[in-house]
Amino acid sequence: MTADEIQTLIANSMACELCQVEGDGRHWYATVVSASFEGKRLIARHQQVNAAMGARLKTDEVHALSMKTFTPAEWTAQNNG
């Protein structure tokens, strides 16, 4: 898979203000900013992104996906703080 394909999978599964994916073809790193993360713990946020990936994580089509997940307010605070 490509970074663009992973980005599209995530963005099609949830409303994202930002979805950036980069990696080397096996190990991927995603930054996802979504209002749908409001009130959710980190594990629930990661489960939401993993669900967007579907079977691709289970079949090793995507070997590893590390992620940073933020609400829009958290993202603003991190980047303007």
N, C-alpha and C. Protein backbone atom coordinates (compact mmCIF):
# COMPACT_ATOMS: atom_id res chain seq x y z
N MET A 1 0.84 -1.18 0.00
CA MET A 1 0.00 0.00 0.00
C MET A 1 0.88 1.24 0.00
N THR A 2 0.29 2.32 -0.44
CA THR A 2 1.00 3.60 -0.43
C THR A 2 0.45 4.49 0.68
N ALA A 3 1.17 5.54 0.98
CA ALA A 3 0.72 6.51 1.99
C ALA A 3 -0.62 7.11 1.58
N ASP A 4 -0.77 7.41 0.31
CA ASP A 4 -2.03 7.98 -0.18
C ASP A 4 -3.20 7.02 0.01
N GLU A 5 -2.98 5.74 -0.23
CA GLU A 5 -4.04 4.75 -0.05
C GLU A 5 -4.46 4.63 1.41
N ILE A 6 -3.49 4.63 2.30
CA ILE A 6 -3.80 4.56 3.73
C ILE A 6 -4.53 5.82 4.18
N GLN A 7 -4.05 6.95 3.72
CA GLN A 7 -4.70 8.23 4.04
C GLN A 7 -6.16 8.22 3.58
N THR A 8 -6.41 7.73 2.39
CA THR A 8 -7.77 7.66 1.85
C THR A 8 -8.65 6.73 2.68
N LEU A 9 -8.13 5.58 3.07
CA LEU A 9 -8.90 4.65 3.91
C LEU A 9 -9.33 5.32 5.21
N ILE A 10 -8.41 6.00 5.86
CA ILE A 10 -8.72 6.65 7.13
C ILE A 10 -9.72 7.78 6.91
N ALA A 11 -9.45 8.64 5.94
CA ALA A 11 -10.31 9.80 5.68
C ALA A 11 -11.72 9.38 5.24
N ASN A 12 -11.84 8.25 4.55
CA ASN A 12 -13.16 7.78 4.13
C ASN A 12 -13.95 7.17 5.28
N SER A 13 -13.26 6.80 6.35
CA SER A 13 -13.90 6.16 7.48
C SER A 13 -14.35 7.14 8.56
N MET A 14 -13.70 8.29 8.62
CA MET A 14 -14.04 9.28 9.64
C MET A 14 -13.76 10.68 9.10
N ALA A 15 -14.48 11.63 9.63
CA ALA A 15 -14.24 13.03 9.24
C ALA A 15 -12.93 13.49 9.88
N CYS A 16 -11.97 13.85 9.07
CA CYS A 16 -10.66 14.28 9.56
C CYS A 16 -10.40 15.72 9.16
N GLU A 17 -9.91 16.48 10.09
CA GLU A 17 -9.45 17.82 9.75
C GLU A 17 -8.05 17.74 9.15
N LEU A 18 -7.33 16.69 9.55
CA LEU A 18 -5.98 16.46 9.04
C LEU A 18 -5.72 14.97 9.08
N CYS A 19 -5.15 14.45 8.03
CA CYS A 19 -4.71 13.05 7.99
C CYS A 19 -3.44 13.01 7.16
N GLN A 20 -2.32 12.79 7.84
CA GLN A 20 -1.03 12.71 7.15
C GLN A 20 -0.44 11.33 7.41
N VAL A 21 0.05 10.71 6.36
CA VAL A 21 0.65 9.38 6.49
C VAL A 21 1.99 9.38 5.78
N GLU A 22 2.98 8.82 6.43
CA GLU A 22 4.28 8.64 5.79
C GLU A 22 4.87 7.33 6.26
N GLY A 23 5.81 6.82 5.52
CA GLY A 23 6.43 5.56 5.90
C GLY A 23 7.30 5.00 4.80
N ASP A 24 7.75 3.77 5.02
CA ASP A 24 8.71 3.15 4.11
C ASP A 24 8.13 1.99 3.30
N GLY A 25 6.81 1.84 3.32
CA GLY A 25 6.20 0.74 2.59
C GLY A 25 5.79 -0.42 3.47
N ARG A 26 6.36 -0.51 4.66
CA ARG A 26 5.99 -1.54 5.64
C ARG A 26 5.62 -0.91 6.97
N HIS A 27 6.36 0.09 7.38
CA HIS A 27 6.13 0.77 8.65
C HIS A 27 5.58 2.17 8.36
N TRP A 28 4.39 2.43 8.88
CA TRP A 28 3.70 3.68 8.58
C TRP A 28 3.48 4.50 9.84
N TYR A 29 3.42 5.81 9.65
CA TYR A 29 3.21 6.76 10.74
C TYR A 29 2.10 7.71 10.31
N ALA A 30 1.03 7.75 11.11
CA ALA A 30 -0.12 8.59 10.76
C ALA A 30 -0.35 9.63 11.84
N THR A 31 -0.68 10.83 11.40
CA THR A 31 -1.15 11.89 12.28
C THR A 31 -2.58 12.17 11.87
N VAL A 32 -3.51 11.99 12.80
CA VAL A 32 -4.92 12.14 12.48
C VAL A 32 -5.54 13.12 13.47
N VAL A 33 -6.20 14.14 12.91
CA VAL A 33 -6.92 15.12 13.72
C VAL A 33 -8.40 15.00 13.36
N SER A 34 -9.23 14.69 14.37
CA SER A 34 -10.65 14.49 14.09
C SER A 34 -11.48 14.87 15.31
N ALA A 35 -12.58 15.54 15.06
CA ALA A 35 -13.53 15.87 16.14
C ALA A 35 -14.16 14.60 16.71
N SER A 36 -14.13 13.52 15.95
CA SER A 36 -14.71 12.27 16.44
C SER A 36 -13.92 11.69 17.62
N PHE A 37 -12.73 12.23 17.88
CA PHE A 37 -11.93 11.78 19.02
C PHE A 37 -12.32 12.46 20.33
N GLU A 38 -13.18 13.47 20.25
CA GLU A 38 -13.59 14.20 21.46
C GLU A 38 -14.11 13.23 22.52
N GLY A 39 -13.59 13.35 23.73
CA GLY A 39 -14.06 12.54 24.85
C GLY A 39 -13.59 11.10 24.85
N LYS A 40 -12.74 10.72 23.89
CA LYS A 40 -12.27 9.34 23.81
C LYS A 40 -10.85 9.23 24.35
N ARG A 41 -10.60 8.11 25.00
CA ARG A 41 -9.24 7.82 25.46
C ARG A 41 -8.37 7.43 24.27
N LEU A 42 -7.08 7.45 24.50
CA LEU A 42 -6.12 7.15 23.44
C LEU A 42 -6.39 5.80 22.79
N ILE A 43 -6.66 4.77 23.59
CA ILE A 43 -6.88 3.44 23.03
C ILE A 43 -8.10 3.42 22.12
N ALA A 44 -9.17 4.12 22.49
CA ALA A 44 -10.37 4.17 21.65
C ALA A 44 -10.10 4.90 20.35
N ARG A 45 -9.28 5.92 20.40
CA ARG A 45 -8.91 6.65 19.17
C ARG A 45 -8.14 5.74 18.23
N HIS A 46 -7.18 5.01 18.79
CA HIS A 46 -6.38 4.11 17.96
C HIS A 46 -7.23 2.98 17.39
N GLN A 47 -8.17 2.48 18.19
CA GLN A 47 -9.07 1.44 17.69
C GLN A 47 -9.91 1.96 16.54
N GLN A 48 -10.31 3.23 16.61
CA GLN A 48 -11.11 3.82 15.53
C GLN A 48 -10.30 3.89 14.24
N VAL A 49 -9.04 4.29 14.34
CA VAL A 49 -8.18 4.35 13.15
C VAL A 49 -7.90 2.93 12.65
N ASN A 50 -7.62 2.01 13.56
CA ASN A 50 -7.37 0.62 13.15
C ASN A 50 -8.58 0.02 12.44
N ALA A 51 -9.77 0.35 12.91
CA ALA A 51 -10.99 -0.14 12.26
C ALA A 51 -11.08 0.37 10.82
N ALA A 52 -10.63 1.59 10.60
CA ALA A 52 -10.63 2.15 9.25
C ALA A 52 -9.72 1.34 8.32
N MET A 53 -8.67 0.77 8.88
CA MET A 53 -7.72 -0.02 8.08
C MET A 53 -8.27 -1.41 7.76
N GLY A 54 -9.24 -1.86 8.54
CA GLY A 54 -9.86 -3.15 8.28
C GLY A 54 -8.86 -4.29 8.30
N ALA A 55 -9.04 -5.22 7.39
CA ALA A 55 -8.23 -6.44 7.34
C ALA A 55 -6.79 -6.18 6.92
N ARG A 56 -6.51 -5.02 6.42
CA ARG A 56 -5.15 -4.76 5.93
C ARG A 56 -4.10 -4.90 7.02
N LEU A 57 -4.47 -4.62 8.26
CA LEU A 57 -3.54 -4.81 9.37
C LEU A 57 -3.41 -6.29 9.73
N LYS A 58 -4.47 -7.03 9.56
CA LYS A 58 -4.47 -8.45 9.92
C LYS A 58 -3.78 -9.31 8.87
N THR A 59 -3.81 -8.88 7.63
CA THR A 59 -3.22 -9.67 6.55
C THR A 59 -1.78 -9.27 6.25
N ASP A 60 -1.25 -8.34 7.02
CA ASP A 60 0.12 -7.85 6.87
C ASP A 60 0.31 -7.00 5.61
N GLU A 61 -0.79 -6.59 5.00
CA GLU A 61 -0.70 -5.66 3.88
C GLU A 61 -0.09 -4.34 4.39
N VAL A 62 -0.44 -4.02 5.63
CA VAL A 62 0.20 -2.91 6.36
C VAL A 62 0.82 -3.57 7.58
N HIS A 63 2.13 -3.66 7.61
CA HIS A 63 2.82 -4.37 8.68
C HIS A 63 2.68 -3.65 10.02
N ALA A 64 2.89 -2.34 10.03
CA ALA A 64 2.83 -1.58 11.28
C ALA A 64 2.31 -0.18 11.00
N LEU A 65 1.44 0.27 11.88
CA LEU A 65 0.90 1.63 11.76
C LEU A 65 0.98 2.30 13.13
N SER A 66 1.91 3.22 13.26
CA SER A 66 2.01 4.03 14.47
C SER A 66 1.18 5.28 14.22
N MET A 67 0.58 5.80 15.27
CA MET A 67 -0.26 6.97 15.04
C MET A 67 -0.24 7.93 16.20
N LYS A 68 -0.48 9.17 15.86
CA LYS A 68 -0.73 10.22 16.83
C LYS A 68 -2.12 10.74 16.50
N THR A 69 -2.97 10.77 17.50
CA THR A 69 -4.35 11.18 17.28
C THR A 69 -4.66 12.39 18.16
N PHE A 70 -5.33 13.37 17.57
CA PHE A 70 -5.64 14.61 18.27
C PHE A 70 -7.06 15.06 17.96
N THR A 71 -7.67 15.73 18.93
CA THR A 71 -8.88 16.47 18.65
C THR A 71 -8.43 17.78 18.01
N PRO A 72 -9.31 18.51 17.35
CA PRO A 72 -8.89 19.78 16.78
C PRO A 72 -8.31 20.75 17.83
N ALA A 73 -8.89 20.78 19.02
CA ALA A 73 -8.37 21.68 20.07
C ALA A 73 -6.98 21.25 20.53
N GLU A 74 -6.76 19.94 20.67
CA GLU A 74 -5.44 19.45 21.06
C GLU A 74 -4.39 19.78 19.99
N TRP A 75 -4.78 19.63 18.73
CA TRP A 75 -3.87 19.91 17.62
C TRP A 75 -3.49 21.40 17.61
N THR A 76 -4.50 22.26 17.80
CA THR A 76 -4.24 23.71 17.83
C THR A 76 -3.32 24.06 18.99
N ALA A 77 -3.59 23.50 20.15
CA ALA A 77 -2.77 23.78 21.33
C ALA A 77 -1.32 23.31 21.13
N GLN A 78 -1.16 22.16 20.51
CA GLN A 78 0.19 21.62 20.30
C GLN A 78 0.99 22.47 19.30
N ASN A 79 0.31 22.98 18.31
CA ASN A 79 1.01 23.68 17.23
C ASN A 79 1.08 25.19 17.41
N ASN A 80 0.34 25.70 18.37
CA ASN A 80 0.38 27.15 18.64
C ASN A 80 0.83 27.45 20.06
N GLY A 81 1.20 26.42 20.79
CA GLY A 81 1.48 26.59 22.19
C GLY A 81 2.88 26.85 22.54
